[in-house]
Amino acid sequence: MIRNTFYMATLTAVHFNPVLALFYQRLLAKNKEKKVALVACMRKFITILNAMVRDNQPFRYQASVA
């Protein structure tokens, strides 16, 4: 049940969250399968959420200059 919830949330996040969208597109550019890339994004999403809870901070997007 929790995995299903994170899966659906990640599907939305790869379209609207700039951090996860870039990560997802980068994985697809490396010829990863879509499901594999999505599961990797799920893991990154969980890591981001855990850090937000740990630090009691809202999500902040910081664009990196590359």
N, C-alpha and C. Protein backbone atom coordinates (compact mmCIF):
# COMPACT_ATOMS: atom_id res chain seq x y z
N MET A 1 0.82 -1.19 0.00
CA MET A 1 0.00 0.00 0.00
C MET A 1 0.87 1.26 0.00
N ILE A 2 1.88 1.30 0.82
CA ILE A 2 2.77 2.47 0.85
C ILE A 2 3.56 2.56 -0.45
N ARG A 3 4.00 1.42 -0.96
CA ARG A 3 4.75 1.41 -2.21
C ARG A 3 3.88 1.93 -3.35
N ASN A 4 2.61 1.53 -3.37
CA ASN A 4 1.70 2.02 -4.41
C ASN A 4 1.52 3.53 -4.31
N THR A 5 1.43 4.03 -3.10
CA THR A 5 1.27 5.46 -2.89
C THR A 5 2.50 6.22 -3.38
N PHE A 6 3.69 5.74 -3.03
CA PHE A 6 4.92 6.39 -3.48
C PHE A 6 5.08 6.29 -4.99
N TYR A 7 4.65 5.18 -5.57
CA TYR A 7 4.73 5.02 -7.02
C TYR A 7 3.88 6.09 -7.71
N MET A 8 2.65 6.26 -7.27
CA MET A 8 1.76 7.24 -7.89
C MET A 8 2.26 8.67 -7.65
N ALA A 9 2.77 8.93 -6.45
CA ALA A 9 3.30 10.26 -6.15
C ALA A 9 4.53 10.56 -7.01
N THR A 10 5.35 9.55 -7.24
CA THR A 10 6.55 9.73 -8.05
C THR A 10 6.19 9.95 -9.51
N LEU A 11 5.16 9.26 -9.99
CA LEU A 11 4.71 9.50 -11.36
C LEU A 11 4.36 10.97 -11.57
N THR A 12 3.69 11.55 -10.61
CA THR A 12 3.34 12.96 -10.69
C THR A 12 4.58 13.84 -10.52
N ALA A 13 5.44 13.46 -9.60
CA ALA A 13 6.62 14.27 -9.29
C ALA A 13 7.59 14.36 -10.46
N VAL A 14 7.73 13.30 -11.26
CA VAL A 14 8.67 13.36 -12.38
C VAL A 14 8.17 14.30 -13.47
N HIS A 15 6.91 14.71 -13.38
CA HIS A 15 6.38 15.68 -14.34
C HIS A 15 6.41 17.11 -13.79
N PHE A 16 6.27 17.28 -12.49
CA PHE A 16 6.11 18.62 -11.93
C PHE A 16 7.21 19.06 -10.98
N ASN A 17 7.96 18.14 -10.38
CA ASN A 17 9.06 18.50 -9.48
C ASN A 17 10.32 18.65 -10.31
N PRO A 18 10.93 19.84 -10.33
CA PRO A 18 12.10 20.05 -11.20
C PRO A 18 13.29 19.15 -10.88
N VAL A 19 13.50 18.84 -9.62
CA VAL A 19 14.63 17.99 -9.23
C VAL A 19 14.43 16.58 -9.77
N LEU A 20 13.27 16.01 -9.52
CA LEU A 20 13.01 14.65 -9.96
C LEU A 20 12.83 14.56 -11.47
N ALA A 21 12.28 15.60 -12.08
CA ALA A 21 12.11 15.59 -13.54
C ALA A 21 13.47 15.54 -14.24
N LEU A 22 14.41 16.35 -13.78
CA LEU A 22 15.75 16.33 -14.37
C LEU A 22 16.45 14.99 -14.15
N PHE A 23 16.30 14.45 -12.96
CA PHE A 23 16.91 13.16 -12.63
C PHE A 23 16.33 12.06 -13.53
N TYR A 24 15.01 12.06 -13.68
CA TYR A 24 14.32 11.07 -14.51
C TYR A 24 14.77 11.17 -15.97
N GLN A 25 14.82 12.39 -16.49
CA GLN A 25 15.25 12.58 -17.87
C GLN A 25 16.71 12.18 -18.08
N ARG A 26 17.55 12.43 -17.09
CA ARG A 26 18.96 12.04 -17.17
C ARG A 26 19.09 10.52 -17.21
N LEU A 27 18.28 9.82 -16.41
CA LEU A 27 18.32 8.36 -16.43
C LEU A 27 17.82 7.80 -17.76
N LEU A 28 16.77 8.39 -18.31
CA LEU A 28 16.27 7.94 -19.61
C LEU A 28 17.29 8.20 -20.71
N ALA A 29 18.03 9.30 -20.60
CA ALA A 29 19.07 9.60 -21.59
C ALA A 29 20.20 8.58 -21.54
N LYS A 30 20.38 7.93 -20.38
CA LYS A 30 21.39 6.88 -20.24
C LYS A 30 20.84 5.51 -20.63
N ASN A 31 19.70 5.52 -21.34
CA ASN A 31 19.05 4.31 -21.84
C ASN A 31 18.56 3.37 -20.74
N LYS A 32 18.18 3.93 -19.61
CA LYS A 32 17.54 3.11 -18.57
C LYS A 32 16.09 2.88 -18.95
N GLU A 33 15.55 1.75 -18.57
CA GLU A 33 14.14 1.50 -18.83
C GLU A 33 13.31 2.46 -17.97
N LYS A 34 12.12 2.79 -18.45
CA LYS A 34 11.29 3.77 -17.75
C LYS A 34 10.94 3.32 -16.34
N LYS A 35 10.64 2.05 -16.17
CA LYS A 35 10.27 1.55 -14.83
C LYS A 35 11.48 1.61 -13.89
N VAL A 36 12.66 1.29 -14.39
CA VAL A 36 13.89 1.35 -13.58
C VAL A 36 14.16 2.80 -13.17
N ALA A 37 14.01 3.72 -14.12
CA ALA A 37 14.22 5.14 -13.82
C ALA A 37 13.21 5.64 -12.80
N LEU A 38 11.98 5.17 -12.92
CA LEU A 38 10.94 5.60 -11.98
C LEU A 38 11.21 5.09 -10.57
N VAL A 39 11.67 3.85 -10.45
CA VAL A 39 12.00 3.30 -9.13
C VAL A 39 13.19 4.05 -8.52
N ALA A 40 14.16 4.43 -9.35
CA ALA A 40 15.29 5.23 -8.85
C ALA A 40 14.80 6.59 -8.36
N CYS A 41 13.83 7.16 -9.07
CA CYS A 41 13.25 8.44 -8.64
C CYS A 41 12.47 8.27 -7.34
N MET A 42 11.81 7.12 -7.17
CA MET A 42 11.10 6.85 -5.92
C MET A 42 12.07 6.88 -4.75
N ARG A 43 13.22 6.23 -4.95
CA ARG A 43 14.23 6.20 -3.89
C ARG A 43 14.74 7.61 -3.58
N LYS A 44 14.99 8.38 -4.61
CA LYS A 44 15.47 9.76 -4.41
C LYS A 44 14.39 10.61 -3.72
N PHE A 45 13.13 10.40 -4.11
CA PHE A 45 12.01 11.12 -3.53
C PHE A 45 11.90 10.82 -2.03
N ILE A 46 12.04 9.55 -1.67
CA ILE A 46 11.99 9.16 -0.26
C ILE A 46 13.14 9.80 0.52
N THR A 47 14.31 9.83 -0.09
CA THR A 47 15.47 10.45 0.55
C THR A 47 15.23 11.94 0.79
N ILE A 48 14.67 12.62 -0.21
CA ILE A 48 14.35 14.05 -0.07
C ILE A 48 13.34 14.26 1.04
N LEU A 49 12.28 13.44 1.06
CA LEU A 49 11.25 13.58 2.09
C LEU A 49 11.80 13.32 3.49
N ASN A 50 12.66 12.30 3.62
CA ASN A 50 13.27 12.02 4.92
C ASN A 50 14.12 13.20 5.40
N ALA A 51 14.87 13.83 4.50
CA ALA A 51 15.69 14.98 4.88
C ALA A 51 14.81 16.16 5.28
N MET A 52 13.69 16.34 4.58
CA MET A 52 12.77 17.43 4.93
C MET A 52 12.18 17.22 6.32
N VAL A 53 11.82 15.99 6.65
CA VAL A 53 11.27 15.70 7.98
C VAL A 53 12.34 15.84 9.04
N ARG A 54 13.54 15.32 8.76
CA ARG A 54 14.64 15.39 9.71
C ARG A 54 14.98 16.83 10.07
N ASP A 55 15.04 17.70 9.06
CA ASP A 55 15.44 19.09 9.27
C ASP A 55 14.27 20.02 9.53
N ASN A 56 13.05 19.48 9.47
CA ASN A 56 11.84 20.27 9.68
C ASN A 56 11.82 21.48 8.74
N GLN A 57 12.08 21.23 7.46
CA GLN A 57 12.15 22.28 6.45
C GLN A 57 11.22 21.97 5.29
N PRO A 58 10.68 22.99 4.64
CA PRO A 58 9.89 22.75 3.42
C PRO A 58 10.82 22.47 2.24
N PHE A 59 10.23 22.02 1.15
CA PHE A 59 11.01 21.76 -0.06
C PHE A 59 11.51 23.06 -0.63
N ARG A 60 12.81 23.10 -0.97
CA ARG A 60 13.40 24.26 -1.61
C ARG A 60 14.18 23.78 -2.83
N TYR A 61 13.88 24.34 -3.96
CA TYR A 61 14.59 23.99 -5.18
C TYR A 61 15.73 24.96 -5.38
N GLN A 62 16.93 24.42 -5.49
CA GLN A 62 18.10 25.25 -5.77
C GLN A 62 18.68 24.79 -7.09
N ALA A 63 18.55 25.62 -8.11
CA ALA A 63 19.07 25.28 -9.42
C ALA A 63 20.58 25.31 -9.38
N SER A 64 21.19 24.27 -9.90
CA SER A 64 22.65 24.23 -9.96
C SER A 64 23.09 24.79 -11.30
N VAL A 65 24.17 25.53 -11.27
CA VAL A 65 24.72 26.10 -12.49
C VAL A 65 25.79 25.15 -12.98
N ALA A 66 25.54 24.56 -14.16
CA ALA A 66 26.49 23.60 -14.71
C ALA A 66 26.86 23.95 -16.12
